Protein backbone atom coordinates (compact mmCIF):
# COMPACT_ATOMS: atom_id res chain seq x y z
CA MET A 1 -11.35 -3.67 36.40
CA ALA A 2 -8.62 -6.11 35.22
CA LEU A 3 -8.67 -7.71 31.79
CA THR A 4 -9.64 -11.41 31.53
CA ASP A 5 -8.49 -13.88 28.84
CA THR A 6 -12.28 -14.22 27.72
CA ALA A 7 -12.53 -10.59 27.17
CA ALA A 8 -9.33 -10.41 25.21
CA ARG A 9 -10.31 -13.35 23.10
CA GLN A 10 -13.83 -11.91 22.33
CA ALA A 11 -12.75 -8.45 21.51
CA LYS A 12 -13.93 -7.69 18.03
CA PRO A 13 -12.59 -5.13 15.67
CA ARG A 14 -14.58 -1.79 15.18
CA GLU A 15 -14.66 0.85 12.59
CA LYS A 16 -11.75 2.53 14.63
CA GLY A 17 -9.22 0.94 16.74
CA TYR A 18 -9.62 0.94 20.59
CA THR A 19 -7.96 0.02 23.83
CA LEU A 20 -8.81 -2.28 26.62
CA ALA A 21 -7.15 -1.60 29.88
CA ASP A 22 -5.82 -4.31 32.29
CA SER A 23 -3.83 -3.06 35.25
CA LEU A 24 -0.61 -1.31 36.07
CA GLY A 25 -0.24 0.24 32.71
CA LEU A 26 -0.98 -2.82 30.57
CA THR A 27 -3.36 -2.33 27.71
CA LEU A 28 -4.58 -4.34 24.77
CA TYR A 29 -5.12 -2.42 21.57
CA VAL A 30 -7.62 -3.83 19.05
CA ALA A 31 -6.93 -2.58 15.54
CA GLU A 32 -9.56 -2.10 12.69
CA THR A 33 -8.03 -5.13 11.09
CA GLY A 34 -8.59 -7.29 14.18
CA VAL A 35 -4.93 -7.51 15.06
CA LYS A 36 -4.37 -7.18 18.89
CA SER A 37 -1.35 -5.93 20.50
CA TRP A 38 -0.27 -5.61 24.14
CA HIS A 39 1.31 -2.26 25.12
CA PHE A 40 2.76 -1.00 28.51
CA ARG A 41 2.37 2.64 29.29
CA PHE A 42 4.78 4.28 31.76
CA THR A 43 6.21 7.67 32.66
CA TRP A 44 9.85 8.30 31.50
CA LEU A 45 11.61 11.57 32.23
CA GLY A 46 8.31 13.29 33.00
CA LYS A 47 6.64 12.18 29.71
CA GLN A 48 4.19 9.48 28.86
CA ALA A 49 5.80 6.56 27.08
CA ARG A 50 4.74 3.21 25.75
CA ILE A 51 6.38 -0.03 24.55
CA SER A 52 4.98 -2.96 22.64
CA LEU A 53 4.92 -6.22 24.38
CA GLY A 54 3.80 -8.49 21.39
CA THR A 55 0.60 -9.62 19.86
CA TYR A 56 -2.34 -11.63 21.08
CA PRO A 57 -2.92 -14.61 20.97
CA GLU A 58 0.73 -15.27 20.41
CA ILE A 59 1.34 -13.59 23.76
CA GLY A 60 -1.33 -14.59 26.21
CA LEU A 61 -2.53 -12.42 29.16
CA LYS A 62 -0.24 -14.08 31.65
CA GLU A 63 2.76 -13.71 29.62
CA ALA A 64 1.86 -10.08 28.83
CA ARG A 65 1.65 -9.28 32.53
CA ALA A 66 4.95 -10.96 33.11
CA ARG A 67 6.50 -8.71 30.45
CA ARG A 68 4.80 -5.73 31.96
CA ASP A 69 6.22 -6.56 35.35
CA GLU A 70 9.78 -6.76 33.83
CA ALA A 71 9.19 -3.33 32.35
CA ARG A 72 8.01 -1.89 35.55
CA GLU A 73 11.11 -3.25 37.33
CA ASP A 74 13.30 -1.57 34.71
CA VAL A 75 11.48 1.74 35.34
CA ALA A 76 11.92 1.34 39.08
CA GLN A 77 15.58 0.81 38.73
CA GLY A 78 15.92 4.05 36.61
CA LYS A 79 16.41 2.25 33.17
CA ASP A 80 14.20 2.89 30.05
CA PRO A 81 12.42 -0.52 29.33
CA ARG A 82 12.64 0.19 25.66
CA GLU A 83 16.40 0.42 25.83
CA SER A 84 16.60 -2.64 27.99
CA ARG A 85 14.54 -4.66 25.47
CA ARG A 86 16.76 -3.46 22.62
CA GLU A 87 19.88 -4.65 24.42
CA LYS A 88 18.59 -7.92 25.34
CA LYS A 89 17.56 -8.51 21.68
CA VAL A 90 20.92 -7.59 20.40
CA GLU A 91 22.66 -9.88 23.01
CA ARG A 92 20.69 -12.77 21.54
CA LEU A 93 22.03 -12.13 18.12
CA GLY A 94 25.47 -13.38 17.19
CA ALA A 95 27.78 -11.67 14.70
CA LYS A 96 26.39 -13.90 11.95
CA GLU A 97 22.84 -12.81 12.60
CA ARG A 98 23.86 -9.12 12.47
CA THR A 99 24.97 -9.21 8.65
CA PHE A 100 23.21 -7.09 6.14
CA ARG A 101 22.04 -10.33 4.28
CA ARG A 102 20.49 -11.70 7.41
CA VAL A 103 18.61 -8.54 8.23
CA TYR A 104 17.47 -7.97 4.58
CA GLU A 105 16.17 -11.60 4.48
CA GLU A 106 14.32 -10.96 7.74
CA TRP A 107 13.04 -7.64 6.49
CA LEU A 108 11.80 -9.26 3.20
CA GLU A 109 10.12 -12.07 4.97
CA PHE A 110 8.25 -9.54 7.26
CA ARG A 111 7.22 -7.58 4.07
CA LYS A 112 6.19 -10.44 1.86
CA GLY A 113 2.67 -10.64 3.04
CA GLY A 114 1.94 -7.24 1.55
CA LEU A 115 3.64 -7.58 -1.52
CA THR A 116 2.76 -9.34 -4.88
CA GLU A 117 4.98 -12.29 -6.13
CA SER A 118 6.26 -10.05 -9.09
CA THR A 119 7.27 -7.21 -6.73
CA VAL A 120 9.16 -9.66 -4.43
CA LYS A 121 11.01 -10.98 -7.42
CA VAL A 122 11.98 -7.58 -8.59
CA ILE A 123 13.38 -6.64 -5.21
CA SER A 124 15.14 -10.06 -4.80
CA ASN A 125 16.87 -9.59 -8.34
CA ALA A 126 18.00 -6.09 -7.60
CA MET A 127 19.35 -6.92 -4.23
CA GLU A 128 21.17 -10.01 -5.57
CA LEU A 129 22.45 -8.11 -8.48
CA ASP A 130 23.95 -4.87 -6.85
CA VAL A 131 23.53 -4.93 -3.12
CA LEU A 132 24.36 -8.12 -1.60
CA PRO A 133 27.65 -8.58 -3.36
CA ALA A 134 28.68 -5.37 -1.84
CA PHE A 135 26.93 -5.50 1.60
CA GLY A 136 25.76 -9.03 2.12
CA LEU A 137 28.51 -10.32 4.47
CA ARG A 138 29.29 -6.98 6.31
CA GLN A 139 27.95 -6.38 9.65
CA ILE A 140 25.04 -4.07 9.20
CA ASP A 141 26.31 -1.43 11.79
CA SER A 142 29.53 -1.14 9.77
CA ILE A 143 27.85 0.17 6.52
CA LYS A 144 28.04 3.90 6.25
CA ARG A 145 26.17 6.56 4.17
CA ALA A 146 29.26 6.91 1.96
CA ASP A 147 29.09 3.10 1.32
CA VAL A 148 25.53 3.30 0.18
CA ILE A 149 26.13 6.40 -1.86
CA THR A 150 28.92 4.68 -3.70
CA LEU A 151 26.75 1.73 -4.47
CA ILE A 152 23.98 3.85 -5.77
CA ARG A 153 26.27 6.01 -7.91
CA ARG A 154 27.51 2.97 -9.58
CA ILE A 155 23.96 1.95 -10.54
CA GLU A 156 23.35 5.34 -11.82
CA ARG A 157 26.34 5.44 -14.02
CA ARG A 158 25.06 2.70 -16.09
CA GLY A 159 22.00 4.73 -16.73
CA SER A 160 19.66 2.82 -14.50
CA ILE A 161 18.17 5.77 -12.70
CA THR A 162 14.93 4.17 -11.79
CA THR A 163 16.73 1.06 -10.42
CA ALA A 164 18.94 3.23 -8.52
CA VAL A 165 16.05 5.07 -6.78
CA LYS A 166 14.23 1.88 -6.09
CA THR A 167 17.38 0.11 -4.79
CA ARG A 168 18.02 3.13 -2.52
CA GLN A 169 14.62 2.92 -1.18
CA TRP A 170 14.76 -0.71 -0.39
CA ILE A 171 18.14 -0.35 1.22
CA GLY A 172 16.57 2.44 3.42
CA GLN A 173 13.70 0.14 4.43
CA VAL A 174 16.07 -2.56 5.44
CA PHE A 175 18.01 -0.10 7.68
CA ARG A 176 14.68 1.23 9.10
CA TYR A 177 13.73 -2.24 10.04
CA ALA A 178 17.07 -2.74 11.72
CA VAL A 179 16.51 0.48 13.82
CA ALA A 180 12.97 -0.70 14.66
CA ILE A 181 14.13 -3.97 16.05
CA GLY A 182 16.99 -2.32 17.98
CA MET A 183 19.93 -3.58 15.97
CA ILE A 184 21.23 -0.18 14.99
CA GLU A 185 20.67 3.32 16.23
CA ILE A 186 20.74 5.46 12.99
CA ASN A 187 19.60 4.72 9.56
CA PRO A 188 22.55 5.83 7.27
CA THR A 189 20.24 6.35 4.26
CA ALA A 190 18.08 9.08 5.94
CA GLU A 191 17.73 12.05 3.78
CA MET A 192 20.02 10.39 1.16
CA HIS A 193 17.55 11.26 -1.62
CA ALA A 194 18.97 14.83 -1.57
CA VAL A 195 22.31 13.61 -3.14
CA THR A 196 20.90 10.91 -5.55
CA GLU A 197 19.39 11.21 -8.89
CA LYS A 198 15.60 11.54 -9.11
CA MET A 199 13.56 9.11 -10.93
CA ALA A 200 12.51 10.13 -14.42
CA PRO A 201 8.84 10.92 -14.74
CA HIS A 202 6.76 8.43 -16.76
CA LYS A 203 6.87 9.76 -20.31
CA ASN A 204 4.48 7.07 -21.45
CA ARG A 205 1.62 8.20 -19.28
CA PRO A 206 0.59 11.58 -20.67
CA PHE A 207 -2.67 13.07 -19.80
CA LEU A 208 -4.73 16.10 -20.88
CA ALA A 209 -6.35 18.85 -19.07
CA PHE A 210 -9.95 18.25 -17.45
CA THR A 211 -11.55 20.53 -19.79
CA GLU A 212 -10.82 17.84 -22.56
CA MET A 213 -12.88 15.28 -20.78
CA PRO A 214 -16.11 15.99 -22.54
CA ALA A 215 -14.43 15.50 -25.86
CA ILE A 216 -12.80 12.28 -24.73
CA ILE A 217 -16.16 10.72 -23.46
CA LYS A 218 -17.85 11.93 -26.88
CA ALA A 219 -15.03 10.28 -28.85
CA ILE A 220 -15.30 7.03 -26.75
CA GLU A 221 -19.17 6.81 -27.33
CA GLU A 222 -18.92 7.51 -31.00
CA SER A 223 -16.18 4.99 -31.78
CA GLN A 224 -17.06 1.71 -33.51
CA SER A 225 -15.36 -0.21 -30.75
CA GLY A 226 -18.34 -1.93 -29.32
CA LEU A 227 -20.19 -1.80 -25.89
CA GLN A 228 -17.75 -3.91 -24.07
CA LEU A 229 -14.58 -1.96 -24.93
CA GLN A 230 -16.43 1.34 -24.36
CA CYS A 231 -17.81 0.25 -20.92
CA ALA A 232 -14.36 -1.00 -19.77
CA THR A 233 -12.74 2.25 -20.66
CA LYS A 234 -15.47 4.30 -19.04
CA LEU A 235 -15.30 2.20 -15.81
CA LEU A 236 -11.43 2.95 -15.88
CA ILE A 237 -12.32 6.64 -15.74
CA LEU A 238 -15.07 6.46 -13.36
CA THR A 239 -13.13 4.49 -10.83
CA ALA A 240 -9.56 5.88 -11.26
CA CYS A 241 -8.43 2.30 -10.98
CA ARG A 242 -5.39 0.95 -12.89
CA PRO A 243 -6.04 -0.50 -16.40
CA ALA A 244 -4.97 -3.99 -15.35
CA GLU A 245 -7.42 -3.91 -12.35
CA VAL A 246 -10.34 -3.07 -14.68
CA ARG A 247 -9.30 -5.68 -17.30
CA LYS A 248 -9.32 -8.40 -14.55
CA ALA A 249 -12.41 -7.34 -12.87
CA GLU A 250 -14.54 -10.33 -11.73
CA TRP A 251 -18.27 -10.42 -11.06
CA SER A 252 -17.60 -12.24 -7.73
CA GLU A 253 -15.92 -9.00 -6.54
CA ILE A 254 -18.81 -6.73 -7.41
CA ASP A 255 -21.76 -6.02 -5.45
CA LEU A 256 -24.22 -3.93 -7.42
CA ASP A 257 -26.66 -3.66 -4.53
CA THR A 258 -24.22 -2.02 -2.23
CA ALA A 259 -22.41 -0.19 -5.15
CA THR A 260 -18.99 -1.73 -4.09
CA TRP A 261 -16.08 -3.34 -5.75
CA SER A 262 -13.74 -5.28 -3.60
CA ILE A 263 -10.36 -6.02 -5.47
CA PRO A 264 -8.49 -8.74 -3.58
CA ALA A 265 -4.97 -7.72 -2.27
CA SER A 266 -3.50 -10.41 -4.45
CA LYS A 267 -4.32 -8.36 -7.46
CA MET A 268 -3.04 -5.17 -5.99
CA LYS A 269 0.17 -3.49 -5.06
CA MET A 270 -0.99 -3.32 -1.61
CA ARG A 271 -1.05 -5.63 1.62
CA ARG A 272 -4.88 -5.29 1.90
CA ASP A 273 -8.05 -5.51 -0.22
CA HIS A 274 -9.02 -2.38 -2.16
CA VAL A 275 -12.60 -1.41 -1.69
CA VAL A 276 -13.82 0.82 -4.58
CA PRO A 277 -17.09 2.73 -4.04
CA LEU A 278 -19.13 2.71 -7.28
CA SER A 279 -21.06 5.77 -8.53
CA ARG A 280 -24.54 5.52 -9.97
CA GLN A 281 -22.95 5.86 -13.40
CA ALA A 282 -20.56 2.96 -12.69
CA VAL A 283 -23.33 0.79 -11.42
CA GLU A 284 -25.56 1.43 -14.50
CA LEU A 285 -22.44 0.62 -16.69
CA LEU A 286 -21.93 -2.57 -15.04
CA ARG A 287 -25.68 -3.55 -15.17
CA SER A 288 -25.31 -2.92 -19.00
CA MET A 289 -22.74 -5.61 -19.10
CA LEU A 290 -24.82 -8.43 -17.31
CA PRO A 291 -26.48 -9.65 -20.50
CA ILE A 292 -23.16 -9.87 -22.10
CA SER A 293 -20.98 -11.37 -19.34
CA GLY A 294 -23.12 -11.95 -16.29
CA GLY A 295 -22.62 -15.70 -16.45
CA LEU A 296 -19.02 -15.51 -16.89
CA LYS A 297 -15.98 -15.04 -14.53
CA TYR A 298 -14.74 -11.69 -15.91
CA VAL A 299 -16.93 -8.50 -16.34
CA PHE A 300 -15.09 -7.77 -19.54
CA PRO A 301 -14.16 -11.15 -21.13
CA ASN A 302 -11.94 -11.83 -24.20
CA ARG A 303 -14.04 -12.00 -27.37
CA THR A 304 -12.08 -14.91 -28.68
CA ASP A 305 -11.74 -16.87 -25.42
CA ALA A 306 -14.41 -16.06 -22.89
CA VAL A 307 -12.56 -17.69 -19.76
CA ARG A 308 -9.83 -15.07 -20.36
CA PRO A 309 -10.07 -11.32 -19.61
CA ILE A 310 -10.21 -8.70 -22.30
CA GLY A 311 -6.89 -7.82 -24.16
CA ILE A 312 -4.13 -6.11 -22.20
CA ASN A 313 -4.11 -3.22 -24.49
CA TYR A 314 -7.88 -2.71 -24.55
CA ALA A 315 -7.84 0.90 -23.50
CA VAL A 316 -4.76 1.81 -25.31
CA ASN A 317 -6.35 0.54 -28.56
CA LEU A 318 -9.42 2.57 -27.90
CA MET A 319 -7.62 5.87 -27.16
CA ASP A 320 -5.65 5.30 -30.36
CA ARG A 321 -8.79 4.88 -32.40
CA CYS A 322 -10.24 8.07 -30.92
CA GLY A 323 -7.27 10.01 -32.02
CA TYR A 324 -5.43 10.43 -28.68
CA THR A 325 -2.31 8.62 -29.32
CA GLY A 326 0.57 10.16 -27.28
CA ARG A 327 -1.89 12.71 -25.71
CA GLN A 328 -4.03 10.66 -23.38
CA SER A 329 -2.88 7.27 -21.92
CA PRO A 330 -5.25 4.95 -20.02
CA HIS A 331 -3.13 5.23 -16.85
CA GLY A 332 -3.12 9.00 -17.37
CA PHE A 333 -6.62 9.02 -16.33
CA ARG A 334 -5.66 8.34 -12.72
CA HIS A 335 -3.24 11.49 -13.05
CA LEU A 336 -6.20 13.56 -14.43
CA PHE A 337 -8.40 12.34 -11.56
CA SER A 338 -5.82 13.24 -8.95
CA THR A 339 -4.99 16.62 -10.42
CA GLU A 340 -8.70 17.56 -10.72
CA MET A 341 -9.99 16.44 -7.30
CA ASN A 342 -6.95 18.06 -5.59
CA SER A 343 -7.60 21.27 -7.24
CA ARG A 344 -11.16 21.05 -6.01
CA GLY A 345 -10.09 20.75 -2.50
CA TYR A 346 -10.84 17.05 -1.71
CA ASN A 347 -8.85 15.38 0.96
CA LYS A 348 -5.51 14.17 -0.15
CA ASP A 349 -5.79 10.86 1.92
CA TRP A 350 -9.18 10.24 0.22
CA ILE A 351 -7.68 10.62 -3.25
CA GLU A 352 -4.51 8.57 -2.54
CA ARG A 353 -6.71 5.82 -0.86
CA GLN A 354 -8.95 5.77 -4.13
CA LEU A 355 -5.83 5.40 -6.23
CA ALA A 356 -4.64 2.56 -3.93
CA HIS A 357 -1.33 4.30 -3.34
CA ALA A 358 0.63 2.98 -0.40
CA ASP A 359 1.92 5.69 1.91
CA SER A 360 5.39 6.97 1.18
CA SER A 361 6.24 6.11 4.81
CA ALA A 362 6.33 2.34 5.17
CA ILE A 363 5.79 2.78 8.95
CA ARG A 364 2.85 5.06 8.53
CA ASP A 365 1.36 2.70 5.96
CA VAL A 366 1.45 -0.16 8.23
CA TYR A 367 -0.59 1.58 10.79
CA ASN A 368 -2.84 3.66 8.64
CA HIS A 369 -5.78 1.29 8.06
CA ALA A 370 -8.42 4.05 7.30
CA THR A 371 -10.23 3.32 4.07
CA TYR A 372 -12.38 6.61 4.01
CA ILE A 373 -14.89 4.40 2.27
CA GLU A 374 -18.10 6.86 2.76
CA GLN A 375 -15.92 10.10 2.15
CA ARG A 376 -14.69 8.29 -1.04
CA ARG A 377 -18.07 7.27 -2.12
CA ASP A 378 -19.29 10.89 -2.09
CA MET A 379 -16.19 12.04 -3.86
CA MET A 380 -16.51 9.52 -6.53
CA GLN A 381 -20.10 10.35 -7.16
CA ALA A 382 -19.03 14.04 -7.52
CA TRP A 383 -16.41 12.91 -9.98
CA ALA A 384 -18.77 10.84 -12.02
CA ASP A 385 -21.22 13.64 -12.17
CA LEU A 386 -18.31 15.86 -13.57
CA VAL A 387 -17.01 13.56 -16.31
CA LEU A 388 -20.20 11.44 -17.10
CA PRO A 389 -23.52 12.75 -16.15
CA SER A 390 -26.23 10.11 -15.94
CA ALA A 391 -27.82 11.35 -19.10
CA ALA A 392 -24.68 10.32 -20.99
CA LEU A 393 -25.12 6.75 -20.13
């Protein structure tokens, strides 16, 4: 049965994405996030193929059918509708619109929604300093692999290896975007990591073996640092969150009844909220903070100014007092968690999602909306039982 405007409008997101069929190959895909996109399915050279026709409601049912009919006409004439669409888009763009600067600005605007302001600023500064002076006015299809390597080598020679790696990645994303919109055929930065310097490991994030965890917990509990500092550091360990995320945790983000902590995307290095399942130990720990900060904004308020969160070096100071200077950093607990749970055979995707790591493939990360919340809940309870048995609370 053909799709109707009402059915398209009323389609609600589910736990997994699903497809609503119209007719003659037109479908509407409803993602977990609620985003709805039109697709046309067709056969090309004996294989099933698909082309995106836009998103709903920006593209209504009538317009989607018109676009489908255009694509069907291309197929009937022996032309790949994907190639036809690419050619039409390129034709609409003049030479000025095909410069590296123009494509970079379009890419950055596209990516802004999933980046923090500080990250956007870092990218902009790096591109303005090194990339745009060299590539900004050039036609994007004129930039070759050798040009990019020369630019990256120049950054490496001044000793800025991390900047060089990040810049190469950002340039690569701009070119991948250009390929995706049909402006160029090949990404000249593909596999370029093989001939550029690797980023130096974080030397300021040491972590010990898992066998040291009981001694670490004992040292924290026997320290004279006070309940708030101890609880903040324990929550850091129990959740594998970043120190800054624990520091800025707000009661409004935490639901003790459902044992869930929802960190807004604005606080994250992600384009979506990060949902953290809380173990029984984490819930009890947070309940112990209610008499201290339950009426305040932050779970762990600053001792001298309750409207602000605890000091930025809260966990560093505690680990120093416990005798772990240079041996176990607060951020290192995330590495310790990842190493141990990977060694115990837990699914890598669950672990990466718990750590709120974006997928190394920008395109895969856009479409991978799985949160694995129930799987992570079981995993984090197992982790809590390993490092902090209930009796220890």
